[in-house]
Amino acid sequence: MLDNIVMAIGFVLVIEGLLYAFVPGHLRNMASRLRNLGDEQIRVIGMAAIGAGVLVIWFARVFLQG
């Protein structure tokens, strides 16, 4: 189980690093837009991202386990 957690953290870092490497201007633009959002809106976006992540993990565990 710990190896899965470490691998998941590694994948997140790789994907985030790719975004910083290939679209830094877009990330800067997105960060400036975040300043205009209220805390509640950012919280809802975060909760939606958590929900989407849980669904992806569930889908992978149920349908892609070989």
N, C-alpha and C. Protein backbone atom coordinates (compact mmCIF):
# COMPACT_ATOMS: atom_id res chain seq x y z
N MET A 1 0.82 -1.19 0.00
CA MET A 1 0.00 0.00 0.00
C MET A 1 0.87 1.26 0.00
N LEU A 2 1.91 1.29 0.81
CA LEU A 2 2.79 2.45 0.85
C LEU A 2 3.43 2.70 -0.50
N ASP A 3 3.76 1.63 -1.22
CA ASP A 3 4.37 1.82 -2.54
C ASP A 3 3.39 2.49 -3.50
N ASN A 4 2.10 2.18 -3.38
CA ASN A 4 1.09 2.85 -4.23
C ASN A 4 1.00 4.33 -3.91
N ILE A 5 1.08 4.68 -2.64
CA ILE A 5 1.00 6.09 -2.25
C ILE A 5 2.21 6.85 -2.77
N VAL A 6 3.39 6.25 -2.62
CA VAL A 6 4.61 6.90 -3.11
C VAL A 6 4.56 7.05 -4.62
N MET A 7 4.09 6.03 -5.33
CA MET A 7 3.97 6.13 -6.80
C MET A 7 2.97 7.20 -7.19
N ALA A 8 1.86 7.29 -6.48
CA ALA A 8 0.85 8.32 -6.79
C ALA A 8 1.43 9.72 -6.60
N ILE A 9 2.16 9.93 -5.53
CA ILE A 9 2.79 11.23 -5.31
C ILE A 9 3.79 11.52 -6.42
N GLY A 10 4.53 10.51 -6.83
CA GLY A 10 5.48 10.68 -7.94
C GLY A 10 4.78 11.06 -9.23
N PHE A 11 3.65 10.41 -9.53
CA PHE A 11 2.91 10.75 -10.75
C PHE A 11 2.39 12.19 -10.70
N VAL A 12 1.90 12.61 -9.54
CA VAL A 12 1.42 13.99 -9.40
C VAL A 12 2.55 14.97 -9.66
N LEU A 13 3.73 14.69 -9.10
CA LEU A 13 4.87 15.58 -9.31
C LEU A 13 5.30 15.62 -10.77
N VAL A 14 5.27 14.48 -11.44
CA VAL A 14 5.63 14.44 -12.87
C VAL A 14 4.65 15.27 -13.69
N ILE A 15 3.36 15.07 -13.46
CA ILE A 15 2.35 15.81 -14.23
C ILE A 15 2.45 17.31 -13.94
N GLU A 16 2.61 17.66 -12.68
CA GLU A 16 2.74 19.08 -12.34
C GLU A 16 4.01 19.67 -12.95
N GLY A 17 5.09 18.93 -12.91
CA GLY A 17 6.34 19.39 -13.51
C GLY A 17 6.21 19.60 -15.00
N LEU A 18 5.48 18.70 -15.67
CA LEU A 18 5.26 18.86 -17.11
C LEU A 18 4.51 20.16 -17.41
N LEU A 19 3.52 20.46 -16.59
CA LEU A 19 2.77 21.70 -16.80
C LEU A 19 3.67 22.92 -16.63
N TYR A 20 4.49 22.93 -15.57
CA TYR A 20 5.39 24.06 -15.37
C TYR A 20 6.43 24.17 -16.49
N ALA A 21 6.84 23.04 -17.03
CA ALA A 21 7.87 23.04 -18.07
C ALA A 21 7.31 23.47 -19.43
N PHE A 22 6.08 23.04 -19.75
CA PHE A 22 5.59 23.25 -21.10
C PHE A 22 4.58 24.39 -21.26
N VAL A 23 3.90 24.78 -20.20
CA VAL A 23 2.92 25.87 -20.32
C VAL A 23 3.01 26.83 -19.12
N PRO A 24 4.19 27.40 -18.89
CA PRO A 24 4.33 28.29 -17.73
C PRO A 24 3.46 29.54 -17.83
N GLY A 25 3.27 30.07 -19.01
CA GLY A 25 2.43 31.26 -19.17
C GLY A 25 0.99 30.99 -18.81
N HIS A 26 0.49 29.83 -19.21
CA HIS A 26 -0.89 29.46 -18.88
C HIS A 26 -1.05 29.30 -17.36
N LEU A 27 -0.07 28.71 -16.70
CA LEU A 27 -0.14 28.55 -15.25
C LEU A 27 -0.11 29.91 -14.55
N ARG A 28 0.70 30.82 -15.05
CA ARG A 28 0.76 32.16 -14.46
C ARG A 28 -0.59 32.87 -14.63
N ASN A 29 -1.21 32.72 -15.79
CA ASN A 29 -2.52 33.30 -16.05
C ASN A 29 -3.57 32.69 -15.11
N MET A 30 -3.52 31.38 -14.94
CA MET A 30 -4.47 30.71 -14.06
C MET A 30 -4.29 31.16 -12.61
N ALA A 31 -3.04 31.34 -12.19
CA ALA A 31 -2.78 31.80 -10.82
C ALA A 31 -3.34 33.22 -10.61
N SER A 32 -3.22 34.07 -11.62
CA SER A 32 -3.76 35.42 -11.47
C SER A 32 -5.28 35.40 -11.41
N ARG A 33 -5.92 34.47 -12.10
CA ARG A 33 -7.37 34.35 -12.04
C ARG A 33 -7.83 33.85 -10.67
N LEU A 34 -7.00 33.02 -10.02
CA LEU A 34 -7.37 32.52 -8.70
C LEU A 34 -7.49 33.64 -7.68
N ARG A 35 -6.72 34.70 -7.86
CA ARG A 35 -6.79 35.83 -6.93
C ARG A 35 -8.16 36.48 -6.94
N ASN A 36 -8.87 36.37 -8.05
CA ASN A 36 -10.19 36.99 -8.17
C ASN A 36 -11.31 36.13 -7.60
N LEU A 37 -11.02 34.89 -7.25
CA LEU A 37 -12.04 34.00 -6.72
C LEU A 37 -12.07 34.08 -5.20
N GLY A 38 -13.25 33.88 -4.65
CA GLY A 38 -13.39 33.86 -3.20
C GLY A 38 -12.95 32.51 -2.63
N ASP A 39 -12.77 32.49 -1.32
CA ASP A 39 -12.34 31.25 -0.67
C ASP A 39 -13.33 30.11 -0.91
N GLU A 40 -14.62 30.41 -0.86
CA GLU A 40 -15.62 29.37 -1.04
C GLU A 40 -15.56 28.77 -2.45
N GLN A 41 -15.35 29.60 -3.45
CA GLN A 41 -15.24 29.09 -4.82
C GLN A 41 -14.01 28.20 -4.97
N ILE A 42 -12.91 28.60 -4.39
CA ILE A 42 -11.69 27.79 -4.47
C ILE A 42 -11.89 26.48 -3.72
N ARG A 43 -12.59 26.54 -2.58
CA ARG A 43 -12.87 25.34 -1.81
C ARG A 43 -13.73 24.36 -2.62
N VAL A 44 -14.73 24.87 -3.33
CA VAL A 44 -15.59 24.02 -4.15
C VAL A 44 -14.78 23.38 -5.28
N ILE A 45 -13.91 24.15 -5.91
CA ILE A 45 -13.05 23.60 -6.97
C ILE A 45 -12.16 22.51 -6.40
N GLY A 46 -11.60 22.72 -5.22
CA GLY A 46 -10.76 21.70 -4.59
C GLY A 46 -11.54 20.44 -4.27
N MET A 47 -12.75 20.60 -3.75
CA MET A 47 -13.58 19.43 -3.44
C MET A 47 -13.96 18.68 -4.71
N ALA A 48 -14.23 19.41 -5.79
CA ALA A 48 -14.55 18.76 -7.06
C ALA A 48 -13.34 17.98 -7.58
N ALA A 49 -12.14 18.54 -7.42
CA ALA A 49 -10.93 17.85 -7.84
C ALA A 49 -10.71 16.58 -7.01
N ILE A 50 -10.98 16.67 -5.71
CA ILE A 50 -10.86 15.48 -4.86
C ILE A 50 -11.85 14.41 -5.32
N GLY A 51 -13.09 14.81 -5.56
CA GLY A 51 -14.10 13.86 -6.04
C GLY A 51 -13.72 13.22 -7.35
N ALA A 52 -13.21 14.02 -8.28
CA ALA A 52 -12.78 13.47 -9.57
C ALA A 52 -11.62 12.50 -9.38
N GLY A 53 -10.69 12.82 -8.50
CA GLY A 53 -9.57 11.92 -8.24
C GLY A 53 -10.02 10.61 -7.64
N VAL A 54 -10.96 10.67 -6.70
CA VAL A 54 -11.49 9.44 -6.10
C VAL A 54 -12.18 8.59 -7.15
N LEU A 55 -12.95 9.23 -8.03
CA LEU A 55 -13.62 8.47 -9.10
C LEU A 55 -12.62 7.81 -10.05
N VAL A 56 -11.56 8.52 -10.38
CA VAL A 56 -10.53 7.95 -11.26
C VAL A 56 -9.87 6.75 -10.59
N ILE A 57 -9.54 6.88 -9.30
CA ILE A 57 -8.93 5.77 -8.58
C ILE A 57 -9.89 4.59 -8.50
N TRP A 58 -11.16 4.86 -8.18
CA TRP A 58 -12.15 3.80 -8.11
C TRP A 58 -12.28 3.09 -9.46
N PHE A 59 -12.38 3.88 -10.53
CA PHE A 59 -12.49 3.30 -11.87
C PHE A 59 -11.29 2.41 -12.18
N ALA A 60 -10.10 2.89 -11.88
CA ALA A 60 -8.90 2.12 -12.16
C ALA A 60 -8.88 0.83 -11.35
N ARG A 61 -9.28 0.90 -10.07
CA ARG A 61 -9.28 -0.30 -9.23
C ARG A 61 -10.32 -1.32 -9.67
N VAL A 62 -11.51 -0.86 -10.07
CA VAL A 62 -12.59 -1.77 -10.41
C VAL A 62 -12.46 -2.30 -11.83
N PHE A 63 -12.16 -1.45 -12.79
CA PHE A 63 -12.22 -1.85 -14.19
C PHE A 63 -10.88 -2.15 -14.84
N LEU A 64 -9.80 -1.67 -14.28
CA LEU A 64 -8.51 -1.85 -14.95
C LEU A 64 -7.60 -2.85 -14.23
N GLN A 65 -8.06 -3.41 -13.13
CA GLN A 65 -7.24 -4.41 -12.45
C GLN A 65 -7.18 -5.67 -13.30
N GLY A 66 -6.00 -6.13 -13.53
CA GLY A 66 -5.84 -7.29 -14.41
C GLY A 66 -5.53 -8.46 -13.63
